[in-house]
PDB file of all heavy atoms in Angstrom:
ATOM      1  N   VAL A   1     -62.677 -19.655  10.917  1.00  0.00           N
ATOM      2  CA  VAL A   1     -63.460 -18.973   9.908  1.00  0.00           C
ATOM      3  C   VAL A   1     -63.737 -17.607  10.384  1.00  0.00           C
ATOM      4  O   VAL A   1     -64.217 -17.363  11.550  1.00  0.00           O
ATOM      5  CB  VAL A   1     -64.733 -19.666   9.620  1.00  0.00           C
ATOM      6  CG1 VAL A   1     -65.515 -18.919   8.517  1.00  0.00           C
ATOM      7  CG2 VAL A   1     -64.436 -21.052   9.072  1.00  0.00           C
ATOM      8  N   GLY A   2     -63.419 -16.543   9.691  1.00  0.00           N
ATOM      9  CA  GLY A   2     -63.631 -15.218  10.011  1.00  0.00           C
ATOM     10  C   GLY A   2     -64.433 -14.345   8.990  1.00  0.00           C
ATOM     11  O   GLY A   2     -64.521 -14.795   7.817  1.00  0.00           O
ATOM     12  N   ASN A   3     -65.068 -13.240   9.488  1.00  0.00           N
ATOM     13  CA  ASN A   3     -65.744 -12.366   8.528  1.00  0.00           C
ATOM     14  C   ASN A   3     -64.754 -11.596   7.635  1.00  0.00           C
ATOM     15  O   ASN A   3     -63.650 -11.146   8.176  1.00  0.00           O
ATOM     16  CB  ASN A   3     -66.565 -11.358   9.320  1.00  0.00           C
ATOM     17  CG  ASN A   3     -67.648 -12.117  10.060  1.00  0.00           C
ATOM     18  OD1 ASN A   3     -68.500 -12.757   9.612  1.00  0.00           O
ATOM     19  ND2 ASN A   3     -67.524 -11.906  11.453  1.00  0.00           N
ATOM     20  N   THR A   4     -64.999 -11.424   6.387  1.00  0.00           N
ATOM     21  CA  THR A   4     -64.108 -10.637   5.585  1.00  0.00           C
ATOM     22  C   THR A   4     -64.370  -9.180   5.733  1.00  0.00           C
ATOM     23  O   THR A   4     -65.515  -8.780   6.082  1.00  0.00           O
ATOM     24  CB  THR A   4     -64.412 -10.975   4.033  1.00  0.00           C
ATOM     25  OG1 THR A   4     -65.758 -10.676   3.696  1.00  0.00           O
ATOM     26  CG2 THR A   4     -64.096 -12.434   3.741  1.00  0.00           C
ATOM     27  N   LYS A   5     -63.375  -8.357   5.697  1.00  0.00           N
ATOM     28  CA  LYS A   5     -63.529  -6.946   5.791  1.00  0.00           C
ATOM     29  C   LYS A   5     -63.994  -6.301   4.539  1.00  0.00           C
ATOM     30  O   LYS A   5     -64.724  -5.260   4.526  1.00  0.00           O
ATOM     31  CB  LYS A   5     -62.171  -6.269   6.269  1.00  0.00           C
ATOM     32  CG  LYS A   5     -61.642  -6.740   7.635  1.00  0.00           C
ATOM     33  CD  LYS A   5     -60.436  -6.036   8.039  1.00  0.00           C
ATOM     34  CE  LYS A   5     -59.913  -6.522   9.417  1.00  0.00           C
ATOM     35  NZ  LYS A   5     -58.665  -5.838   9.754  1.00  0.00           N
ATOM     36  N   ASP A   6     -63.651  -6.849   3.398  1.00  0.00           N
ATOM     37  CA  ASP A   6     -64.007  -6.408   2.090  1.00  0.00           C
ATOM     38  C   ASP A   6     -64.914  -7.340   1.409  1.00  0.00           C
ATOM     39  O   ASP A   6     -64.613  -8.536   1.180  1.00  0.00           O
ATOM     40  CB  ASP A   6     -62.727  -6.238   1.243  1.00  0.00           C
ATOM     41  CG  ASP A   6     -63.107  -5.580  -0.225  1.00  0.00           C
ATOM     42  OD1 ASP A   6     -64.283  -5.509  -0.514  1.00  0.00           O
ATOM     43  OD2 ASP A   6     -62.186  -5.188  -0.860  1.00  0.00           O
ATOM     44  N   LYS A   7     -66.207  -6.935   1.219  1.00  0.00           N
ATOM     45  CA  LYS A   7     -67.223  -7.929   0.746  1.00  0.00           C
ATOM     46  C   LYS A   7     -66.974  -8.400  -0.677  1.00  0.00           C
ATOM     47  O   LYS A   7     -67.548  -9.345  -1.042  1.00  0.00           O
ATOM     48  CB  LYS A   7     -68.621  -7.218   0.825  1.00  0.00           C
ATOM     49  CG  LYS A   7     -69.132  -7.069   2.316  1.00  0.00           C
ATOM     50  CD  LYS A   7     -69.017  -8.440   3.000  1.00  0.00           C
ATOM     51  CE  LYS A   7     -69.407  -8.261   4.502  1.00  0.00           C
ATOM     52  NZ  LYS A   7     -69.324  -9.643   5.241  1.00  0.00           N
ATOM     53  N   SER A   8     -65.963  -7.677  -1.374  1.00  0.00           N
ATOM     54  CA  SER A   8     -65.679  -8.231  -2.668  1.00  0.00           C
ATOM     55  C   SER A   8     -64.873  -9.494  -2.565  1.00  0.00           C
ATOM     56  O   SER A   8     -64.618 -10.284  -3.549  1.00  0.00           O
ATOM     57  CB  SER A   8     -64.781  -7.156  -3.407  1.00  0.00           C
ATOM     58  OG  SER A   8     -63.544  -6.921  -2.868  1.00  0.00           O
ATOM     59  N   HIS A   9     -64.391  -9.770  -1.329  1.00  0.00           N
ATOM     60  CA  HIS A   9     -63.693 -11.021  -1.094  1.00  0.00           C
ATOM     61  C   HIS A   9     -64.584 -12.129  -0.482  1.00  0.00           C
ATOM     62  O   HIS A   9     -64.125 -13.157  -0.019  1.00  0.00           O
ATOM     63  CB  HIS A   9     -62.547 -10.764  -0.081  1.00  0.00           C
ATOM     64  CG  HIS A   9     -61.467  -9.920  -0.667  1.00  0.00           C
ATOM     65  ND1 HIS A   9     -60.572  -9.159   0.159  1.00  0.00           N
ATOM     66  CD2 HIS A   9     -61.206  -9.505  -1.896  1.00  0.00           C
ATOM     67  CE1 HIS A   9     -59.818  -8.428  -0.614  1.00  0.00           C
ATOM     68  NE2 HIS A   9     -60.192  -8.576  -1.865  1.00  0.00           N
ATOM     69  N   GLY A  10     -65.914 -11.877  -0.535  1.00  0.00           N
ATOM     70  CA  GLY A  10     -66.789 -12.847  -0.058  1.00  0.00           C
ATOM     71  C   GLY A  10     -67.374 -12.540   1.332  1.00  0.00           C
ATOM     72  O   GLY A  10     -67.094 -11.390   1.843  1.00  0.00           O
ATOM     73  N   ASP A  11     -68.081 -13.409   1.882  1.00  0.00           N
ATOM     74  CA  ASP A  11     -68.686 -13.208   3.205  1.00  0.00           C
ATOM     75  C   ASP A  11     -67.782 -13.697   4.320  1.00  0.00           C
ATOM     76  O   ASP A  11     -67.634 -13.121   5.393  1.00  0.00           O
ATOM     77  CB  ASP A  11     -70.017 -13.892   3.332  1.00  0.00           C
ATOM     78  CG  ASP A  11     -71.061 -13.386   2.284  1.00  0.00           C
ATOM     79  OD1 ASP A  11     -71.307 -12.131   2.445  1.00  0.00           O
ATOM     80  OD2 ASP A  11     -71.497 -14.152   1.467  1.00  0.00           O
ATOM     81  N   TYR A  12     -67.115 -14.812   4.121  1.00  0.00           N
ATOM     82  CA  TYR A  12     -66.200 -15.451   5.160  1.00  0.00           C
ATOM     83  C   TYR A  12     -64.946 -15.892   4.464  1.00  0.00           C
ATOM     84  O   TYR A  12     -64.847 -16.180   3.252  1.00  0.00           O
ATOM     85  CB  TYR A  12     -66.887 -16.679   5.796  1.00  0.00           C
ATOM     86  CG  TYR A  12     -68.236 -16.309   6.461  1.00  0.00           C
ATOM     87  CD1 TYR A  12     -69.457 -16.825   5.824  1.00  0.00           C
ATOM     88  CD2 TYR A  12     -68.268 -15.678   7.703  1.00  0.00           C
ATOM     89  CE1 TYR A  12     -70.661 -16.411   6.496  1.00  0.00           C
ATOM     90  CE2 TYR A  12     -69.587 -15.321   8.222  1.00  0.00           C
ATOM     91  CZ  TYR A  12     -70.672 -15.704   7.638  1.00  0.00           C
ATOM     92  OH  TYR A  12     -71.856 -15.345   8.173  1.00  0.00           O
ATOM     93  N   ALA A  13     -63.839 -15.967   5.357  1.00  0.00           N
ATOM     94  CA  ALA A  13     -62.514 -16.392   4.840  1.00  0.00           C
ATOM     95  C   ALA A  13     -61.862 -17.300   5.819  1.00  0.00           C
ATOM     96  O   ALA A  13     -62.139 -17.235   7.081  1.00  0.00           O
ATOM     97  CB  ALA A  13     -61.632 -15.182   4.593  1.00  0.00           C
ATOM     98  N   CYS A  14     -61.057 -18.194   5.304  1.00  0.00           N
ATOM     99  CA  CYS A  14     -60.313 -19.161   6.220  1.00  0.00           C
ATOM    100  C   CYS A  14     -58.878 -19.284   5.753  1.00  0.00           C
ATOM    101  O   CYS A  14     -58.596 -19.365   4.547  1.00  0.00           O
ATOM    102  CB  CYS A  14     -61.054 -20.502   6.232  1.00  0.00           C
ATOM    103  SG  CYS A  14     -60.337 -21.718   7.390  1.00  0.00           S
ATOM    104  N   ASN A  15     -57.998 -19.399   6.694  1.00  0.00           N
ATOM    105  CA  ASN A  15     -56.542 -19.516   6.390  1.00  0.00           C
ATOM    106  C   ASN A  15     -55.965 -20.908   6.616  1.00  0.00           C
ATOM    107  O   ASN A  15     -54.785 -21.079   6.711  1.00  0.00           O
ATOM    108  CB  ASN A  15     -55.689 -18.535   7.144  1.00  0.00           C
ATOM    109  CG  ASN A  15     -55.683 -18.810   8.652  1.00  0.00           C
ATOM    110  OD1 ASN A  15     -56.484 -19.680   9.115  1.00  0.00           O
ATOM    111  ND2 ASN A  15     -54.869 -18.230   9.402  1.00  0.00           N
ATOM    112  N   ILE A  16     -56.842 -21.933   6.689  1.00  0.00           N
ATOM    113  CA  ILE A  16     -56.424 -23.249   7.060  1.00  0.00           C
ATOM    114  C   ILE A  16     -55.488 -23.844   6.086  1.00  0.00           C
ATOM    115  O   ILE A  16     -54.561 -24.566   6.447  1.00  0.00           O
ATOM    116  CB  ILE A  16     -57.740 -24.186   7.118  1.00  0.00           C
ATOM    117  CG1 ILE A  16     -57.274 -25.536   7.724  1.00  0.00           C
ATOM    118  CG2 ILE A  16     -58.357 -24.329   5.808  1.00  0.00           C
ATOM    119  CD1 ILE A  16     -56.744 -25.530   9.119  1.00  0.00           C
ATOM    120  N   ALA A  17     -55.465 -23.490   4.746  1.00  0.00           N
ATOM    121  CA  ALA A  17     -54.558 -23.926   3.780  1.00  0.00           C
ATOM    122  C   ALA A  17     -53.143 -23.494   4.074  1.00  0.00           C
ATOM    123  O   ALA A  17     -52.131 -24.139   3.869  1.00  0.00           O
ATOM    124  CB  ALA A  17     -54.925 -23.453   2.395  1.00  0.00           C
ATOM    125  N   LEU A  18     -53.024 -22.187   4.599  1.00  0.00           N
ATOM    126  CA  LEU A  18     -51.720 -21.704   4.988  1.00  0.00           C
ATOM    127  C   LEU A  18     -51.186 -22.395   6.284  1.00  0.00           C
ATOM    128  O   LEU A  18     -49.956 -22.679   6.373  1.00  0.00           O
ATOM    129  CB  LEU A  18     -51.765 -20.184   5.266  1.00  0.00           C
ATOM    130  CG  LEU A  18     -51.811 -19.286   4.077  1.00  0.00           C
ATOM    131  CD1 LEU A  18     -53.307 -19.191   3.520  1.00  0.00           C
ATOM    132  CD2 LEU A  18     -51.334 -17.897   4.419  1.00  0.00           C
ATOM    133  N   VAL A  19     -52.120 -22.656   7.195  1.00  0.00           N
ATOM    134  CA  VAL A  19     -51.775 -23.298   8.446  1.00  0.00           C
ATOM    135  C   VAL A  19     -51.359 -24.724   8.276  1.00  0.00           C
ATOM    136  O   VAL A  19     -50.294 -25.224   8.787  1.00  0.00           O
ATOM    137  CB  VAL A  19     -52.872 -23.220   9.423  1.00  0.00           C
ATOM    138  CG1 VAL A  19     -52.602 -24.074  10.691  1.00  0.00           C
ATOM    139  CG2 VAL A  19     -53.324 -21.808   9.814  1.00  0.00           C
ATOM    140  N   ALA A  20     -52.008 -25.471   7.393  1.00  0.00           N
ATOM    141  CA  ALA A  20     -51.781 -26.895   7.221  1.00  0.00           C
ATOM    142  C   ALA A  20     -50.777 -27.255   6.016  1.00  0.00           C
ATOM    143  O   ALA A  20     -50.580 -28.442   5.818  1.00  0.00           O
ATOM    144  CB  ALA A  20     -53.085 -27.645   7.025  1.00  0.00           C
ATOM    145  N   ALA A  21     -50.338 -26.266   5.297  1.00  0.00           N
ATOM    146  CA  ALA A  21     -49.486 -26.516   4.082  1.00  0.00           C
ATOM    147  C   ALA A  21     -48.273 -27.273   4.432  1.00  0.00           C
ATOM    148  O   ALA A  21     -47.860 -28.198   3.736  1.00  0.00           O
ATOM    149  CB  ALA A  21     -49.186 -25.238   3.384  1.00  0.00           C
ATOM    150  N   LYS A  22     -47.598 -26.935   5.479  1.00  0.00           N
ATOM    151  CA  LYS A  22     -46.358 -27.687   5.866  1.00  0.00           C
ATOM    152  C   LYS A  22     -46.597 -29.107   6.159  1.00  0.00           C
ATOM    153  O   LYS A  22     -45.887 -30.002   5.721  1.00  0.00           O
ATOM    154  CB  LYS A  22     -45.660 -26.943   7.126  1.00  0.00           C
ATOM    155  CG  LYS A  22     -44.433 -27.534   7.526  1.00  0.00           C
ATOM    156  CD  LYS A  22     -43.757 -26.764   8.658  1.00  0.00           C
ATOM    157  CE  LYS A  22     -42.413 -27.370   9.046  1.00  0.00           C
ATOM    158  NZ  LYS A  22     -41.762 -26.604  10.169  1.00  0.00           N
ATOM    159  N   ALA A  23     -47.647 -29.368   6.812  1.00  0.00           N
ATOM    160  CA  ALA A  23     -48.100 -30.840   7.170  1.00  0.00           C
ATOM    161  C   ALA A  23     -48.473 -31.581   5.837  1.00  0.00           C
ATOM    162  O   ALA A  23     -48.113 -32.728   5.729  1.00  0.00           O
ATOM    163  CB  ALA A  23     -49.245 -30.859   8.118  1.00  0.00           C
ATOM    164  N   ALA A  24     -48.972 -30.882   4.846  1.00  0.00           N
ATOM    165  CA  ALA A  24     -49.350 -31.480   3.650  1.00  0.00           C
ATOM    166  C   ALA A  24     -48.140 -31.585   2.657  1.00  0.00           C
ATOM    167  O   ALA A  24     -48.204 -32.452   1.701  1.00  0.00           O
ATOM    168  CB  ALA A  24     -50.423 -30.671   2.948  1.00  0.00           C
ATOM    169  N   GLY A  25     -47.116 -30.825   2.954  1.00  0.00           N
ATOM    170  CA  GLY A  25     -45.912 -30.787   2.132  1.00  0.00           C
ATOM    171  C   GLY A  25     -46.194 -30.263   0.652  1.00  0.00           C
ATOM    172  O   GLY A  25     -45.563 -30.797  -0.271  1.00  0.00           O
ATOM    173  N   CYS A  26     -47.027 -29.271   0.651  1.00  0.00           N
ATOM    174  CA  CYS A  26     -47.276 -28.675  -0.652  1.00  0.00           C
ATOM    175  C   CYS A  26     -47.616 -27.098  -0.427  1.00  0.00           C
ATOM    176  O   CYS A  26     -47.896 -26.736   0.729  1.00  0.00           O
ATOM    177  CB  CYS A  26     -48.431 -29.317  -1.360  1.00  0.00           C
ATOM    178  SG  CYS A  26     -50.035 -29.141  -0.498  1.00  0.00           S
ATOM    179  N   PRO A  27     -47.527 -26.376  -1.468  1.00  0.00           N
ATOM    180  CA  PRO A  27     -47.840 -24.907  -1.300  1.00  0.00           C
ATOM    181  C   PRO A  27     -49.231 -24.670  -0.772  1.00  0.00           C
ATOM    182  O   PRO A  27     -50.189 -25.503  -1.204  1.00  0.00           O
ATOM    183  CB  PRO A  27     -47.608 -24.361  -2.741  1.00  0.00           C
ATOM    184  CG  PRO A  27     -46.785 -25.388  -3.419  1.00  0.00           C
ATOM    185  CD  PRO A  27     -47.082 -26.730  -2.874  1.00  0.00           C
ATOM    186  N   PRO A  28     -49.482 -23.624  -0.028  1.00  0.00           N
ATOM    187  CA  PRO A  28     -50.837 -23.349   0.441  1.00  0.00           C
ATOM    188  C   PRO A  28     -51.915 -23.241  -0.667  1.00  0.00           C
ATOM    189  O   PRO A  28     -52.952 -23.679  -0.450  1.00  0.00           O
ATOM    190  CB  PRO A  28     -50.679 -22.013   1.160  1.00  0.00           C
ATOM    191  CG  PRO A  28     -49.223 -21.926   1.547  1.00  0.00           C
ATOM    192  CD  PRO A  28     -48.503 -22.602   0.438  1.00  0.00           C
ATOM    193  N   ARG A  29     -51.631 -22.627  -1.759  1.00  0.00           N
ATOM    194  CA  ARG A  29     -52.671 -22.472  -2.843  1.00  0.00           C
ATOM    195  C   ARG A  29     -53.031 -23.852  -3.361  1.00  0.00           C
ATOM    196  O   ARG A  29     -54.184 -24.070  -3.636  1.00  0.00           O
ATOM    197  CB  ARG A  29     -52.107 -21.616  -3.970  1.00  0.00           C
ATOM    198  CG  ARG A  29     -52.176 -20.066  -3.570  1.00  0.00           C
ATOM    199  CD  ARG A  29     -51.898 -19.212  -4.797  1.00  0.00           C
ATOM    200  NE  ARG A  29     -52.945 -19.299  -5.873  1.00  0.00           N
ATOM    201  CZ  ARG A  29     -53.920 -18.416  -5.852  1.00  0.00           C
ATOM    202  NH1 ARG A  29     -54.069 -17.414  -5.020  1.00  0.00           N
ATOM    203  NH2 ARG A  29     -54.816 -18.522  -6.807  1.00  0.00           N
ATOM    204  N   LYS A  30     -52.052 -24.826  -3.527  1.00  0.00           N
ATOM    205  CA  LYS A  30     -52.330 -26.143  -4.011  1.00  0.00           C
ATOM    206  C   LYS A  30     -53.212 -26.834  -2.955  1.00  0.00           C
ATOM    207  O   LYS A  30     -54.188 -27.542  -3.365  1.00  0.00           O
ATOM    208  CB  LYS A  30     -50.968 -26.939  -4.211  1.00  0.00           C
ATOM    209  CG  LYS A  30     -51.264 -28.223  -4.923  1.00  0.00           C
ATOM    210  CD  LYS A  30     -50.007 -28.913  -5.199  1.00  0.00           C
ATOM    211  CE  LYS A  30     -50.281 -30.316  -5.841  1.00  0.00           C
ATOM    212  NZ  LYS A  30     -48.997 -30.986  -6.218  1.00  0.00           N
TER     213      LYS A  30
END
């Protein structure tokens, strides 16, 4: 979990869906 650079994107952001998408066998957004 990291701090967002642009506050219009919220306070914190996480890329876990991109990291784990292959293991889940589905697109990151899903």
